[in-house]
């Protein structure tokens, strides 16, 4: 798709450490954030590649928008081939869209819509008729919703770096006490400890749902 003067498409070489570091820095400043900008995601190269360079990934679906003048990244988006099972039906060729980020100064310029349209065009060119993405916002007619929980381990540090805040009427010491893990000496394990296997998934899920 054509871009306005001053912008250009750029394909990401995910095997190139310098380019990956550049994308990681861009995502830290312009990807997931809270309303006041305290919460940021800082990926390692290994974690980013784990999420983007999935088996069978297509280089053409990892692309950026750069400034033609400075070469700096102004937007990013990644598409990854995935296989899904919905209601018992296997869909072998879908595209998971991830790492969509737009520079803060361009978020009112419809840059995100342009990047998404280009992704739609490219994934169809590669034979992906269906795509999906996740969002922390309420979306119209979603086909799936989920809830997840975080278990705070180092409460004192998480409060200091403003990952979380103390609830009303609670001090940091109260939070530390609330999330304190049990002492190993006080845990009586019956039976043997072994690595979780595929056959255990249903039973483990029941434990998490309690």
C-alpha atoms as a PDB file:
ATOM      1  CA  UNK A   1       0.000   0.000   0.000  1.00  0.00           C
ATOM      2  CA  UNK A   2       1.222   3.538  -0.690  1.00  0.00           C
ATOM      3  CA  UNK A   3       2.504   5.556   2.263  1.00  0.00           C
ATOM      4  CA  UNK A   4       2.598   9.352   2.572  1.00  0.00           C
ATOM      5  CA  UNK A   5       5.869  11.111   1.689  1.00  0.00           C
ATOM      6  CA  UNK A   6       8.436  10.664   4.451  1.00  0.00           C
ATOM      7  CA  UNK A   7       7.404   7.072   5.275  1.00  0.00           C
ATOM      8  CA  UNK A   8       8.535   3.735   3.849  1.00  0.00           C
ATOM      9  CA  UNK A   9       7.892   0.030   4.383  1.00  0.00           C
ATOM     10  CA  UNK A  10      10.746  -2.044   5.798  1.00  0.00           C
ATOM     11  CA  UNK A  11      10.976  -5.825   6.270  1.00  0.00           C
ATOM     12  CA  UNK A  12      12.414  -6.992   9.591  1.00  0.00           C
ATOM     13  CA  UNK A  13      15.251  -9.519   9.504  1.00  0.00           C
ATOM     14  CA  UNK A  14      14.522 -11.339  12.740  1.00  0.00           C
ATOM     15  CA  UNK A  15      17.886 -13.120  12.595  1.00  0.00           C
ATOM     16  CA  UNK A  16      19.699  -9.773  12.724  1.00  0.00           C
ATOM     17  CA  UNK A  17      20.540  -8.883  16.348  1.00  0.00           C
ATOM     18  CA  UNK A  18      20.845  -5.151  15.644  1.00  0.00           C
ATOM     19  CA  UNK A  19      17.406  -4.985  14.016  1.00  0.00           C
ATOM     20  CA  UNK A  20      15.835  -7.046  16.791  1.00  0.00           C
ATOM     21  CA  UNK A  21      17.335  -4.751  19.445  1.00  0.00           C
ATOM     22  CA  UNK A  22      15.973  -1.769  17.522  1.00  0.00           C
ATOM     23  CA  UNK A  23      12.464  -3.250  17.466  1.00  0.00           C
ATOM     24  CA  UNK A  24      12.659  -4.170  21.165  1.00  0.00           C
ATOM     25  CA  UNK A  25      13.537  -0.563  22.054  1.00  0.00           C
ATOM     26  CA  UNK A  26      10.658   0.697  19.903  1.00  0.00           C
ATOM     27  CA  UNK A  27       8.179  -1.692  21.536  1.00  0.00           C
ATOM     28  CA  UNK A  28       9.326  -0.662  25.008  1.00  0.00           C
ATOM     29  CA  UNK A  29       8.400   2.944  24.279  1.00  0.00           C
ATOM     30  CA  UNK A  30       5.346   2.550  22.046  1.00  0.00           C
ATOM     31  CA  UNK A  31       3.706  -0.847  22.645  1.00  0.00           C
ATOM     32  CA  UNK A  32       1.757  -1.902  25.766  1.00  0.00           C
ATOM     33  CA  UNK A  33       1.456   0.835  28.370  1.00  0.00           C
ATOM     34  CA  UNK A  34      -0.898   2.054  31.067  1.00  0.00           C
ATOM     35  CA  UNK A  35      -2.748   5.373  31.002  1.00  0.00           C
ATOM     36  CA  UNK A  36       0.106   7.281  32.651  1.00  0.00           C
ATOM     37  CA  UNK A  37       2.964   5.509  30.862  1.00  0.00           C
ATOM     38  CA  UNK A  38       4.461   3.774  33.908  1.00  0.00           C
ATOM     39  CA  UNK A  39       3.901   0.196  32.750  1.00  0.00           C
ATOM     40  CA  UNK A  40       6.153  -0.927  29.878  1.00  0.00           C
ATOM     41  CA  UNK A  41       7.207  -4.229  28.338  1.00  0.00           C
ATOM     42  CA  UNK A  42      10.932  -4.838  27.921  1.00  0.00           C
ATOM     43  CA  UNK A  43      11.536  -7.934  25.813  1.00  0.00           C
ATOM     44  CA  UNK A  44      14.763  -9.863  25.625  1.00  0.00           C
ATOM     45  CA  UNK A  45      15.902 -10.920  22.157  1.00  0.00           C
ATOM     46  CA  UNK A  46      15.119 -14.525  23.052  1.00  0.00           C
ATOM     47  CA  UNK A  47      11.579 -13.757  24.264  1.00  0.00           C
ATOM     48  CA  UNK A  48      10.810 -11.577  21.243  1.00  0.00           C
ATOM     49  CA  UNK A  49      12.024 -14.226  18.805  1.00  0.00           C
ATOM     50  CA  UNK A  50      10.033 -16.864  20.681  1.00  0.00           C
ATOM     51  CA  UNK A  51       6.899 -14.820  20.049  1.00  0.00           C
ATOM     52  CA  UNK A  52       7.596 -13.709  16.476  1.00  0.00           C
ATOM     53  CA  UNK A  53       9.783 -16.385  14.860  1.00  0.00           C
ATOM     54  CA  UNK A  54       7.292 -19.226  15.286  1.00  0.00           C
ATOM     55  CA  UNK A  55       7.739 -22.456  13.272  1.00  0.00           C
ATOM     56  CA  UNK A  56       7.203 -21.765   9.581  1.00  0.00           C
ATOM     57  CA  UNK A  57       7.293 -17.980  10.019  1.00  0.00           C
ATOM     58  CA  UNK A  58       7.279 -15.871   6.863  1.00  0.00           C
ATOM     59  CA  UNK A  59       9.747 -12.989   6.710  1.00  0.00           C
ATOM     60  CA  UNK A  60       7.388 -10.903   4.570  1.00  0.00           C
ATOM     61  CA  UNK A  61       4.860 -10.819   7.449  1.00  0.00           C
ATOM     62  CA  UNK A  62       7.350  -9.153   9.822  1.00  0.00           C
ATOM     63  CA  UNK A  63       7.444  -5.552   8.702  1.00  0.00           C
ATOM     64  CA  UNK A  64       7.862  -1.975   9.878  1.00  0.00           C
ATOM     65  CA  UNK A  65       7.241   1.603   8.840  1.00  0.00           C
ATOM     66  CA  UNK A  66      10.346   3.767   8.906  1.00  0.00           C
ATOM     67  CA  UNK A  67      11.108   7.441   8.390  1.00  0.00           C
ATOM     68  CA  UNK A  68      12.715   7.885   4.964  1.00  0.00           C
ATOM     69  CA  UNK A  69      14.790  10.726   6.387  1.00  0.00           C
ATOM     70  CA  UNK A  70      16.116   9.215   9.617  1.00  0.00           C
ATOM     71  CA  UNK A  71      15.426   5.494   9.166  1.00  0.00           C
ATOM     72  CA  UNK A  72      13.812   5.343  12.613  1.00  0.00           C
ATOM     73  CA  UNK A  73      10.962   2.904  13.256  1.00  0.00           C
ATOM     74  CA  UNK A  74       7.547   4.565  13.361  1.00  0.00           C
ATOM     75  CA  UNK A  75       5.298   1.479  13.383  1.00  0.00           C
ATOM     76  CA  UNK A  76       5.566  -2.303  13.622  1.00  0.00           C
ATOM     77  CA  UNK A  77       3.422  -5.378  13.070  1.00  0.00           C
ATOM     78  CA  UNK A  78       4.139  -9.128  12.931  1.00  0.00           C
ATOM     79  CA  UNK A  79       2.154 -11.997  11.441  1.00  0.00           C
ATOM     80  CA  UNK A  80       2.790 -15.612  12.513  1.00  0.00           C
ATOM     81  CA  UNK A  81       1.342 -18.807  10.984  1.00  0.00           C
ATOM     82  CA  UNK A  82      -0.717 -20.755  13.509  1.00  0.00           C
ATOM     83  CA  UNK A  83      -2.946 -23.813  13.658  1.00  0.00           C
ATOM     84  CA  UNK A  84      -6.137 -23.466  15.697  1.00  0.00           C
ATOM     85  CA  UNK A  85      -8.745 -25.880  17.025  1.00  0.00           C
ATOM     86  CA  UNK A  86     -12.187 -24.289  17.389  1.00  0.00           C
ATOM     87  CA  UNK A  87     -15.041 -26.396  18.749  1.00  0.00           C
ATOM     88  CA  UNK A  88     -13.214 -29.541  17.679  1.00  0.00           C
ATOM     89  CA  UNK A  89     -12.551 -28.301  14.141  1.00  0.00           C
ATOM     90  CA  UNK A  90      -8.899 -27.867  13.121  1.00  0.00           C
ATOM     91  CA  UNK A  91      -8.005 -24.809  11.053  1.00  0.00           C
ATOM     92  CA  UNK A  92      -4.542 -25.485   9.686  1.00  0.00           C
ATOM     93  CA  UNK A  93      -3.720 -22.084   8.231  1.00  0.00           C
ATOM     94  CA  UNK A  94      -4.477 -18.959  10.247  1.00  0.00           C
ATOM     95  CA  UNK A  95      -2.361 -15.891  10.892  1.00  0.00           C
ATOM     96  CA  UNK A  96      -1.823 -14.511  14.389  1.00  0.00           C
ATOM     97  CA  UNK A  97      -1.239 -10.749  14.249  1.00  0.00           C
ATOM     98  CA  UNK A  98       0.938  -9.427  17.054  1.00  0.00           C
ATOM     99  CA  UNK A  99       3.325  -6.628  18.108  1.00  0.00           C
ATOM    100  CA  UNK A 100       1.216  -3.901  16.486  1.00  0.00           C
ATOM    101  CA  UNK A 101       2.708  -0.624  17.718  1.00  0.00           C
ATOM    102  CA  UNK A 102       2.583   2.926  16.413  1.00  0.00           C
ATOM    103  CA  UNK A 103       4.773   5.828  17.473  1.00  0.00           C
ATOM    104  CA  UNK A 104       2.908   7.993  20.000  1.00  0.00           C
ATOM    105  CA  UNK A 105       3.076  11.021  17.695  1.00  0.00           C
ATOM    106  CA  UNK A 106       1.229   9.178  14.887  1.00  0.00           C
ATOM    107  CA  UNK A 107      -1.675   7.620  16.755  1.00  0.00           C
ATOM    108  CA  UNK A 108      -4.178  10.187  15.520  1.00  0.00           C
ATOM    109  CA  UNK A 109      -2.979   9.942  11.899  1.00  0.00           C
ATOM    110  CA  UNK A 110      -4.623   6.580  11.032  1.00  0.00           C
ATOM    111  CA  UNK A 111      -1.227   4.902  10.812  1.00  0.00           C
ATOM    112  CA  UNK A 112      -2.501   1.806  12.641  1.00  0.00           C
ATOM    113  CA  UNK A 113      -5.298   1.319  10.097  1.00  0.00           C
ATOM    114  CA  UNK A 114      -2.817   1.574   7.224  1.00  0.00           C
ATOM    115  CA  UNK A 115      -0.447  -0.956   8.815  1.00  0.00           C
ATOM    116  CA  UNK A 116      -3.314  -3.397   9.475  1.00  0.00           C
ATOM    117  CA  UNK A 117      -4.570  -3.091   5.881  1.00  0.00           C
ATOM    118  CA  UNK A 118      -1.085  -3.855   4.584  1.00  0.00           C
ATOM    119  CA  UNK A 119      -0.923  -6.904   6.860  1.00  0.00           C
ATOM    120  CA  UNK A 120      -4.293  -8.087   5.518  1.00  0.00           C
ATOM    121  CA  UNK A 121      -3.011  -7.714   1.963  1.00  0.00           C
ATOM    122  CA  UNK A 122       0.233  -9.574   2.630  1.00  0.00           C
ATOM    123  CA  UNK A 123      -1.294 -12.462   4.558  1.00  0.00           C
ATOM    124  CA  UNK A 124      -3.837 -13.046   1.756  1.00  0.00           C
ATOM    125  CA  UNK A 125      -0.963 -13.055  -0.755  1.00  0.00           C
ATOM    126  CA  UNK A 126       0.561 -15.880   1.296  1.00  0.00           C
ATOM    127  CA  UNK A 127      -2.678 -17.868   1.356  1.00  0.00           C
ATOM    128  CA  UNK A 128      -3.958 -16.943   4.830  1.00  0.00           C
ATOM    129  CA  UNK A 129      -7.661 -16.251   4.492  1.00  0.00           C
ATOM    130  CA  UNK A 130      -8.207 -15.945   8.252  1.00  0.00           C
ATOM    131  CA  UNK A 131      -6.354 -13.946  10.895  1.00  0.00           C
ATOM    132  CA  UNK A 132      -6.858 -13.120  14.553  1.00  0.00           C
ATOM    133  CA  UNK A 133      -5.402 -10.861  17.221  1.00  0.00           C
ATOM    134  CA  UNK A 134      -5.743 -10.262  20.952  1.00  0.00           C
ATOM    135  CA  UNK A 135      -6.704  -7.062  22.729  1.00  0.00           C
ATOM    136  CA  UNK A 136      -7.008  -5.899  26.296  1.00  0.00           C
ATOM    137  CA  UNK A 137      -9.964  -3.736  25.295  1.00  0.00           C
ATOM    138  CA  UNK A 138     -13.598  -4.679  24.844  1.00  0.00           C
ATOM    139  CA  UNK A 139     -14.081  -5.501  21.164  1.00  0.00           C
ATOM    140  CA  UNK A 140     -17.317  -5.878  19.158  1.00  0.00           C
ATOM    141  CA  UNK A 141     -18.494  -9.489  18.713  1.00  0.00           C
ATOM    142  CA  UNK A 142     -15.296 -11.275  19.878  1.00  0.00           C
ATOM    143  CA  UNK A 143     -15.162 -15.017  19.152  1.00  0.00           C
ATOM    144  CA  UNK A 144     -13.310 -15.696  22.390  1.00  0.00           C
ATOM    145  CA  UNK A 145     -12.722 -13.947  25.716  1.00  0.00           C
ATOM    146  CA  UNK A 146     -10.525 -14.954  28.636  1.00  0.00           C
ATOM    147  CA  UNK A 147      -9.401 -13.787  32.061  1.00  0.00           C
ATOM    148  CA  UNK A 148      -5.959 -14.256  33.561  1.00  0.00           C
ATOM    149  CA  UNK A 149      -4.428 -13.646  36.974  1.00  0.00           C
ATOM    150  CA  UNK A 150      -0.965 -12.581  38.120  1.00  0.00           C
ATOM    151  CA  UNK A 151       0.633 -13.920  41.290  1.00  0.00           C
ATOM    152  CA  UNK A 152       2.953 -11.303  42.764  1.00  0.00           C
ATOM    153  CA  UNK A 153       6.242 -12.801  43.977  1.00  0.00           C
ATOM    154  CA  UNK A 154       8.442  -9.813  44.887  1.00  0.00           C
ATOM    155  CA  UNK A 155       5.734  -7.404  46.018  1.00  0.00           C
ATOM    156  CA  UNK A 156       8.100  -4.760  47.403  1.00  0.00           C
ATOM    157  CA  UNK A 157       9.954  -4.417  44.090  1.00  0.00           C
ATOM    158  CA  UNK A 158       6.770  -4.441  41.992  1.00  0.00           C
ATOM    159  CA  UNK A 159       5.364  -1.537  44.003  1.00  0.00           C
ATOM    160  CA  UNK A 160       8.652   0.411  43.801  1.00  0.00           C
ATOM    161  CA  UNK A 161       8.832   0.138  40.000  1.00  0.00           C
ATOM    162  CA  UNK A 162       5.096   0.981  39.812  1.00  0.00           C
ATOM    163  CA  UNK A 163       4.088  -2.276  38.164  1.00  0.00           C
ATOM    164  CA  UNK A 164       1.293  -2.283  40.722  1.00  0.00           C
ATOM    165  CA  UNK A 165       0.004  -0.104  43.554  1.00  0.00           C
ATOM    166  CA  UNK A 166      -1.156  -0.839  47.067  1.00  0.00           C
ATOM    167  CA  UNK A 167      -4.942  -1.211  47.267  1.00  0.00           C
ATOM    168  CA  UNK A 168      -6.801   1.331  49.364  1.00  0.00           C
ATOM    169  CA  UNK A 169      -6.321   0.710  53.066  1.00  0.00           C
ATOM    170  CA  UNK A 170      -3.364  -1.637  52.564  1.00  0.00           C
ATOM    171  CA  UNK A 171       0.350  -1.000  53.116  1.00  0.00           C
ATOM    172  CA  UNK A 172       3.270  -2.639  51.327  1.00  0.00           C
ATOM    173  CA  UNK A 173       3.828  -4.819  54.390  1.00  0.00           C
ATOM    174  CA  UNK A 174       0.198  -5.937  54.205  1.00  0.00           C
ATOM    175  CA  UNK A 175       0.649  -6.868  50.541  1.00  0.00           C
ATOM    176  CA  UNK A 176       3.879  -8.750  51.254  1.00  0.00           C
ATOM    177  CA  UNK A 177       2.092 -10.708  53.978  1.00  0.00           C
ATOM    178  CA  UNK A 178      -0.864 -11.431  51.679  1.00  0.00           C
ATOM    179  CA  UNK A 179       1.236 -12.809  48.829  1.00  0.00           C
ATOM    180  CA  UNK A 180       3.872 -14.547  50.937  1.00  0.00           C
ATOM    181  CA  UNK A 181       4.598 -18.057  49.702  1.00  0.00           C
ATOM    182  CA  UNK A 182       4.376 -20.895  52.234  1.00  0.00           C
ATOM    183  CA  UNK A 183       7.571 -22.088  53.880  1.00  0.00           C
ATOM    184  CA  UNK A 184       8.937 -25.220  52.203  1.00  0.00           C
ATOM    185  CA  UNK A 185       9.314 -26.863  55.614  1.00  0.00           C
ATOM    186  CA  UNK A 186       5.597 -26.480  56.183  1.00  0.00           C
ATOM    187  CA  UNK A 187       4.608 -28.283  52.968  1.00  0.00           C
ATOM    188  CA  UNK A 188       3.946 -31.995  53.313  1.00  0.00           C
ATOM    189  CA  UNK A 189       4.157 -33.604  49.857  1.00  0.00           C
ATOM    190  CA  UNK A 190       2.548 -37.013  49.450  1.00  0.00           C
ATOM    191  CA  UNK A 191       3.890 -39.067  46.567  1.00  0.00           C
ATOM    192  CA  UNK A 192       6.614 -38.283  44.034  1.00  0.00           C
ATOM    193  CA  UNK A 193       7.275 -35.046  42.148  1.00  0.00           C
ATOM    194  CA  UNK A 194       7.543 -35.340  38.362  1.00  0.00           C
ATOM    195  CA  UNK A 195       7.332 -33.070  35.335  1.00  0.00           C
ATOM    196  CA  UNK A 196       3.857 -32.295  34.051  1.00  0.00           C
ATOM    197  CA  UNK A 197       2.808 -34.324  30.997  1.00  0.00           C
ATOM    198  CA  UNK A 198       0.141 -33.830  28.348  1.00  0.00           C
ATOM    199  CA  UNK A 199      -2.142 -36.341  30.069  1.00  0.00           C
ATOM    200  CA  UNK A 200      -2.147 -34.099  33.183  1.00  0.00           C
ATOM    201  CA  UNK A 201      -3.589 -31.004  31.474  1.00  0.00           C
ATOM    202  CA  UNK A 202      -7.229 -31.609  32.455  1.00  0.00           C
ATOM    203  CA  UNK A 203      -6.403 -32.220  36.128  1.00  0.00           C
ATOM    204  CA  UNK A 204      -4.049 -29.241  36.313  1.00  0.00           C
ATOM    205  CA  UNK A 205      -6.712 -27.007  34.741  1.00  0.00           C
ATOM    206  CA  UNK A 206      -9.169 -28.075  37.450  1.00  0.00           C
ATOM    207  CA  UNK A 207      -6.660 -27.036  40.128  1.00  0.00           C
ATOM    208  CA  UNK A 208      -6.250 -23.602  38.527  1.00  0.00           C
ATOM    209  CA  UNK A 209     -10.032 -23.143  38.346  1.00  0.00           C
ATOM    210  CA  UNK A 210     -10.533 -23.764  42.076  1.00  0.00           C
END
